[in-house]
Amino acid sequence: LPVHVWVDETRPRNQGASLTAWELSRHGVPHALIADNAGGILQHGQVDIVIVGADRVTRRGDAANKIGTYLKALAAHDNGVPFYVALPSSTFDFSLDDGVAEIPIEERGAAEVRIMSGKRPRSVLDVQICPDETPARNWAFDVTPNRLITGLISERGVCQATQEASPPCIPSPQERHAMTAE
């Protein structure tokens, strides 16, 4: 299948610009880097499917991922674009039901938002991008409710993002016990 990947910057740490783009380049996958907030415009006929990762998925299928994922899910939902979450099955957290209410959201240092790093020919330069007196907030993750997720993709297969959709991608009770014991 011909594939083209739109890579979000993934601010404030720019993992999309630095890591995702690098990986795609190394594997010869056609891609283009876009500003994080440009993702919504691509929903108008330029995106066939959205696939994101996850750091944690609840029993009922809510997914915590990098900040901005929820907004991509809303844009996809509003434009009828399928929205999938790719994860290893070990990412399921069976102790949690409601991701929005129960997953704690890490807040990182404000400097990540206030200061940008850029590459020069032989060095990396850090530049402050806002006035000295401007404070910043820096939430690392947000939670996408299962109602916005078309499906969950794991090494076990694809399933709906619901508690009832046990097979194929949700580990058995015995496997869950082994995961929590590790």
C-alpha atoms as a PDB file:
ATOM      1  CA  LEU A   1       0.000   0.000   0.000  1.00  0.00           C
ATOM      2  CA  PRO A   2       1.276   3.471  -0.742  1.00  0.00           C
ATOM      3  CA  VAL A   3       1.708   5.272   2.561  1.00  0.00           C
ATOM      4  CA  HIS A   4       2.409   8.878   3.448  1.00  0.00           C
ATOM      5  CA  VAL A   5       2.744   9.885   7.102  1.00  0.00           C
ATOM      6  CA  TRP A   6       1.963  13.350   8.421  1.00  0.00           C
ATOM      7  CA  VAL A   7       4.288  13.775  11.404  1.00  0.00           C
ATOM      8  CA  ASP A   8       3.241  16.185  14.160  1.00  0.00           C
ATOM      9  CA  GLU A   9       6.059  18.091  15.840  1.00  0.00           C
ATOM     10  CA  THR A  10       4.854  16.699  19.187  1.00  0.00           C
ATOM     11  CA  ARG A  11       5.582  19.818  21.183  1.00  0.00           C
ATOM     12  CA  PRO A  12       6.955  20.772  23.567  1.00  0.00           C
ATOM     13  CA  ARG A  13       9.668  18.106  23.410  1.00  0.00           C
ATOM     14  CA  ASN A  14       9.458  17.688  19.628  1.00  0.00           C
ATOM     15  CA  GLN A  15       9.710  13.886  19.579  1.00  0.00           C
ATOM     16  CA  GLY A  16       7.799  13.799  16.295  1.00  0.00           C
ATOM     17  CA  ALA A  17      10.194  16.231  14.643  1.00  0.00           C
ATOM     18  CA  SER A  18      13.288  14.516  15.952  1.00  0.00           C
ATOM     19  CA  LEU A  19      12.466  10.829  16.587  1.00  0.00           C
ATOM     20  CA  THR A  20       9.459   9.891  14.451  1.00  0.00           C
ATOM     21  CA  ALA A  21      10.723  11.753  11.381  1.00  0.00           C
ATOM     22  CA  TRP A  22      14.170  10.191  11.840  1.00  0.00           C
ATOM     23  CA  GLU A  23      12.725   6.653  12.088  1.00  0.00           C
ATOM     24  CA  LEU A  24      10.536   7.163   9.017  1.00  0.00           C
ATOM     25  CA  SER A  25      13.515   8.562   7.083  1.00  0.00           C
ATOM     26  CA  ARG A  26      15.673   5.581   8.014  1.00  0.00           C
ATOM     27  CA  HIS A  27      12.998   3.200   6.720  1.00  0.00           C
ATOM     28  CA  GLY A  28      12.298   5.156   3.541  1.00  0.00           C
ATOM     29  CA  VAL A  29       8.688   5.968   4.465  1.00  0.00           C
ATOM     30  CA  PRO A  30       7.371   9.094   2.721  1.00  0.00           C
ATOM     31  CA  HIS A  31       6.463  11.712   5.323  1.00  0.00           C
ATOM     32  CA  ALA A  32       6.198  15.437   6.011  1.00  0.00           C
ATOM     33  CA  LEU A  33       6.579  17.333   9.273  1.00  0.00           C
ATOM     34  CA  ILE A  34       3.676  19.593  10.261  1.00  0.00           C
ATOM     35  CA  ALA A  35       3.002  21.967  13.142  1.00  0.00           C
ATOM     36  CA  ASP A  36       1.012  20.263  15.896  1.00  0.00           C
ATOM     37  CA  ASN A  37      -2.028  22.454  15.355  1.00  0.00           C
ATOM     38  CA  ALA A  38      -2.058  21.816  11.591  1.00  0.00           C
ATOM     39  CA  GLY A  39      -3.435  18.311  12.062  1.00  0.00           C
ATOM     40  CA  GLY A  40      -7.046  19.473  11.921  1.00  0.00           C
ATOM     41  CA  ILE A  41      -6.777  20.880   8.406  1.00  0.00           C
ATOM     42  CA  LEU A  42      -5.532  17.534   7.127  1.00  0.00           C
ATOM     43  CA  GLN A  43      -8.826  15.926   8.120  1.00  0.00           C
ATOM     44  CA  HIS A  44     -10.386  17.494   5.029  1.00  0.00           C
ATOM     45  CA  GLY A  45      -9.600  14.654   2.649  1.00  0.00           C
ATOM     46  CA  GLN A  46      -5.848  14.291   3.252  1.00  0.00           C
ATOM     47  CA  VAL A  47      -6.016  11.669   6.002  1.00  0.00           C
ATOM     48  CA  ASP A  48      -7.473   8.184   5.631  1.00  0.00           C
ATOM     49  CA  ILE A  49      -6.690   6.937   9.133  1.00  0.00           C
ATOM     50  CA  VAL A  50      -5.145   8.264  12.352  1.00  0.00           C
ATOM     51  CA  ILE A  51      -2.907   5.938  14.372  1.00  0.00           C
ATOM     52  CA  VAL A  52      -1.407   7.095  17.667  1.00  0.00           C
ATOM     53  CA  GLY A  53       0.435   5.354  20.462  1.00  0.00           C
ATOM     54  CA  ALA A  54      -0.525   5.023  24.109  1.00  0.00           C
ATOM     55  CA  ASP A  55       1.249   5.113  27.428  1.00  0.00           C
ATOM     56  CA  ARG A  56      -1.703   3.636  29.324  1.00  0.00           C
ATOM     57  CA  VAL A  57      -5.105   2.179  28.395  1.00  0.00           C
ATOM     58  CA  THR A  58      -7.876   1.585  30.916  1.00  0.00           C
ATOM     59  CA  ARG A  59     -10.095  -1.461  31.303  1.00  0.00           C
ATOM     60  CA  ARG A  60     -12.822   0.227  29.247  1.00  0.00           C
ATOM     61  CA  GLY A  61     -10.485   1.493  26.506  1.00  0.00           C
ATOM     62  CA  ASP A  62      -9.688   5.118  27.413  1.00  0.00           C
ATOM     63  CA  ALA A  63      -6.150   5.923  26.236  1.00  0.00           C
ATOM     64  CA  ALA A  64      -3.537   8.243  27.748  1.00  0.00           C
ATOM     65  CA  ASN A  65      -0.958   9.492  25.270  1.00  0.00           C
ATOM     66  CA  LYS A  66       1.138  12.565  24.515  1.00  0.00           C
ATOM     67  CA  ILE A  67      -0.610  15.897  24.940  1.00  0.00           C
ATOM     68  CA  GLY A  68      -2.647  16.801  21.875  1.00  0.00           C
ATOM     69  CA  THR A  69      -3.851  13.277  21.128  1.00  0.00           C
ATOM     70  CA  TYR A  70      -7.352  14.056  22.399  1.00  0.00           C
ATOM     71  CA  LEU A  71      -7.636  17.009  19.995  1.00  0.00           C
ATOM     72  CA  LYS A  72      -6.593  14.774  17.073  1.00  0.00           C
ATOM     73  CA  ALA A  73      -9.287  12.283  18.132  1.00  0.00           C
ATOM     74  CA  LEU A  74     -11.923  15.028  18.187  1.00  0.00           C
ATOM     75  CA  ALA A  75     -10.907  16.218  14.706  1.00  0.00           C
ATOM     76  CA  ALA A  76     -10.943  12.657  13.358  1.00  0.00           C
ATOM     77  CA  HIS A  77     -14.342  11.950  14.927  1.00  0.00           C
ATOM     78  CA  ASP A  78     -15.832  15.157  13.565  1.00  0.00           C
ATOM     79  CA  ASN A  79     -14.621  14.313  10.052  1.00  0.00           C
ATOM     80  CA  GLY A  80     -15.454  10.595  10.037  1.00  0.00           C
ATOM     81  CA  VAL A  81     -11.793   9.522   9.967  1.00  0.00           C
ATOM     82  CA  PRO A  82     -11.008   6.242  11.794  1.00  0.00           C
ATOM     83  CA  PHE A  83      -8.884   6.811  14.920  1.00  0.00           C
ATOM     84  CA  TYR A  84      -6.817   3.876  16.202  1.00  0.00           C
ATOM     85  CA  VAL A  85      -4.539   3.487  19.209  1.00  0.00           C
ATOM     86  CA  ALA A  86      -1.528   1.170  18.750  1.00  0.00           C
ATOM     87  CA  LEU A  87      -0.124  -0.339  21.928  1.00  0.00           C
ATOM     88  CA  PRO A  88       1.587  -3.363  23.407  1.00  0.00           C
ATOM     89  CA  SER A  89      -0.920  -5.380  25.442  1.00  0.00           C
ATOM     90  CA  SER A  90       1.196  -4.696  28.545  1.00  0.00           C
ATOM     91  CA  THR A  91      -0.037  -1.064  28.334  1.00  0.00           C
ATOM     92  CA  PHE A  92      -3.509  -2.056  29.589  1.00  0.00           C
ATOM     93  CA  ASP A  93      -4.002  -0.966  33.201  1.00  0.00           C
ATOM     94  CA  PHE A  94      -6.766  -3.130  34.630  1.00  0.00           C
ATOM     95  CA  SER A  95      -6.798  -1.236  37.918  1.00  0.00           C
ATOM     96  CA  LEU A  96      -8.373   1.766  36.137  1.00  0.00           C
ATOM     97  CA  ASP A  97     -11.818   2.145  34.605  1.00  0.00           C
ATOM     98  CA  ASP A  98     -12.336   5.847  33.794  1.00  0.00           C
ATOM     99  CA  GLY A  99      -9.175   7.280  32.245  1.00  0.00           C
ATOM    100  CA  VAL A 100     -10.277  10.919  32.386  1.00  0.00           C
ATOM    101  CA  ALA A 101     -11.054  10.694  36.103  1.00  0.00           C
ATOM    102  CA  GLU A 102      -8.394   8.202  37.204  1.00  0.00           C
ATOM    103  CA  ILE A 103      -5.210   8.613  35.166  1.00  0.00           C
ATOM    104  CA  PRO A 104      -2.947  11.187  36.822  1.00  0.00           C
ATOM    105  CA  ILE A 105      -1.598  13.683  34.292  1.00  0.00           C
ATOM    106  CA  GLU A 106       2.061  14.534  34.713  1.00  0.00           C
ATOM    107  CA  GLU A 107       3.016  18.188  34.512  1.00  0.00           C
ATOM    108  CA  ARG A 108       6.583  18.810  33.438  1.00  0.00           C
ATOM    109  CA  GLY A 109       8.787  21.861  33.808  1.00  0.00           C
ATOM    110  CA  ALA A 110       7.706  25.112  32.186  1.00  0.00           C
ATOM    111  CA  ALA A 111      11.072  25.519  30.447  1.00  0.00           C
ATOM    112  CA  GLU A 112      10.090  22.827  27.919  1.00  0.00           C
ATOM    113  CA  VAL A 113       7.327  25.149  26.676  1.00  0.00           C
ATOM    114  CA  ARG A 114       9.181  28.447  27.065  1.00  0.00           C
ATOM    115  CA  ILE A 115      12.447  27.373  25.416  1.00  0.00           C
ATOM    116  CA  MET A 116      12.972  25.766  21.998  1.00  0.00           C
ATOM    117  CA  SER A 117      16.074  23.903  20.930  1.00  0.00           C
ATOM    118  CA  GLY A 118      17.319  24.069  17.371  1.00  0.00           C
ATOM    119  CA  LYS A 119      20.151  22.527  15.432  1.00  0.00           C
ATOM    120  CA  ARG A 120      22.976  24.621  14.026  1.00  0.00           C
ATOM    121  CA  PRO A 121      25.758  23.210  11.838  1.00  0.00           C
ATOM    122  CA  ARG A 122      27.902  22.089  14.794  1.00  0.00           C
ATOM    123  CA  SER A 123      25.759  22.709  17.840  1.00  0.00           C
ATOM    124  CA  VAL A 124      22.318  22.895  19.364  1.00  0.00           C
ATOM    125  CA  LEU A 125      20.993  26.298  20.365  1.00  0.00           C
ATOM    126  CA  ASP A 126      18.334  26.934  23.044  1.00  0.00           C
ATOM    127  CA  VAL A 127      16.144  30.007  22.524  1.00  0.00           C
ATOM    128  CA  GLN A 128      13.420  31.418  24.756  1.00  0.00           C
ATOM    129  CA  ILE A 129      10.268  32.000  22.671  1.00  0.00           C
ATOM    130  CA  CYS A 130       8.147  34.083  25.058  1.00  0.00           C
ATOM    131  CA  PRO A 131       8.553  37.203  27.212  1.00  0.00           C
ATOM    132  CA  ASP A 132      10.483  36.758  30.471  1.00  0.00           C
ATOM    133  CA  GLU A 133       7.374  37.401  32.582  1.00  0.00           C
ATOM    134  CA  THR A 134       5.165  34.851  30.788  1.00  0.00           C
ATOM    135  CA  PRO A 135       4.507  31.711  32.859  1.00  0.00           C
ATOM    136  CA  ALA A 136       3.885  28.370  31.149  1.00  0.00           C
ATOM    137  CA  ARG A 137       2.035  25.150  31.971  1.00  0.00           C
ATOM    138  CA  ASN A 138       3.292  21.888  30.546  1.00  0.00           C
ATOM    139  CA  TRP A 139       0.994  18.881  30.764  1.00  0.00           C
ATOM    140  CA  ALA A 140       2.706  15.830  29.290  1.00  0.00           C
ATOM    141  CA  PHE A 141      -0.367  13.713  28.481  1.00  0.00           C
ATOM    142  CA  ASP A 142      -4.082  13.840  27.861  1.00  0.00           C
ATOM    143  CA  VAL A 143      -6.718  11.119  27.835  1.00  0.00           C
ATOM    144  CA  THR A 144      -8.821  10.180  24.832  1.00  0.00           C
ATOM    145  CA  PRO A 145     -12.146   8.637  25.902  1.00  0.00           C
ATOM    146  CA  ASN A 146     -12.987   5.285  24.339  1.00  0.00           C
ATOM    147  CA  ARG A 147     -16.021   6.769  22.536  1.00  0.00           C
ATOM    148  CA  LEU A 148     -13.590   8.545  20.155  1.00  0.00           C
ATOM    149  CA  ILE A 149     -11.430   5.468  19.488  1.00  0.00           C
ATOM    150  CA  THR A 150     -12.304   3.263  16.516  1.00  0.00           C
ATOM    151  CA  GLY A 151     -10.117   0.421  17.724  1.00  0.00           C
ATOM    152  CA  LEU A 152      -7.083  -0.720  19.654  1.00  0.00           C
ATOM    153  CA  ILE A 153      -4.206  -2.347  17.771  1.00  0.00           C
ATOM    154  CA  SER A 154      -1.892  -4.636  19.737  1.00  0.00           C
ATOM    155  CA  GLU A 155       0.422  -7.535  18.989  1.00  0.00           C
ATOM    156  CA  ARG A 156      -2.661  -9.716  19.609  1.00  0.00           C
ATOM    157  CA  GLY A 157      -4.775  -8.098  16.895  1.00  0.00           C
ATOM    158  CA  VAL A 158      -7.380  -5.339  16.633  1.00  0.00           C
ATOM    159  CA  CYS A 159     -10.326  -4.891  18.966  1.00  0.00           C
ATOM    160  CA  GLN A 160     -12.878  -2.272  19.871  1.00  0.00           C
ATOM    161  CA  ALA A 161     -12.046   0.138  22.692  1.00  0.00           C
ATOM    162  CA  THR A 162     -14.612  -1.316  25.083  1.00  0.00           C
ATOM    163  CA  GLN A 163     -14.422  -3.395  28.226  1.00  0.00           C
ATOM    164  CA  GLU A 164     -16.508  -6.103  26.579  1.00  0.00           C
ATOM    165  CA  ALA A 165     -14.083  -6.544  23.667  1.00  0.00           C
ATOM    166  CA  SER A 166     -11.760  -8.947  25.487  1.00  0.00           C
ATOM    167  CA  PRO A 167     -10.427 -11.044  22.638  1.00  0.00           C
ATOM    168  CA  PRO A 168      -8.284 -10.596  20.707  1.00  0.00           C
ATOM    169  CA  CYS A 169      -6.086  -7.845  22.178  1.00  0.00           C
ATOM    170  CA  ILE A 170      -6.782  -7.863  25.907  1.00  0.00           C
ATOM    171  CA  PRO A 171      -4.736 -10.351  27.945  1.00  0.00           C
ATOM    172  CA  SER A 172      -6.507 -13.148  29.803  1.00  0.00           C
ATOM    173  CA  PRO A 173      -6.991 -12.911  33.598  1.00  0.00           C
ATOM    174  CA  GLN A 174      -3.984 -15.210  34.104  1.00  0.00           C
ATOM    175  CA  GLU A 175      -1.818 -13.050  31.854  1.00  0.00           C
ATOM    176  CA  ARG A 176      -3.043  -9.895  33.612  1.00  0.00           C
ATOM    177  CA  HIS A 177      -2.044 -11.363  36.939  1.00  0.00           C
ATOM    178  CA  ALA A 178       1.416 -12.168  35.572  1.00  0.00           C
ATOM    179  CA  MET A 179       1.732  -8.587  34.225  1.00  0.00           C
ATOM    180  CA  THR A 180       0.855  -7.005  37.570  1.00  0.00           C
ATOM    181  CA  ALA A 181       3.172  -9.391  39.433  1.00  0.00           C
ATOM    182  CA  GLU A 182       6.202  -8.295  37.391  1.00  0.00           C
END
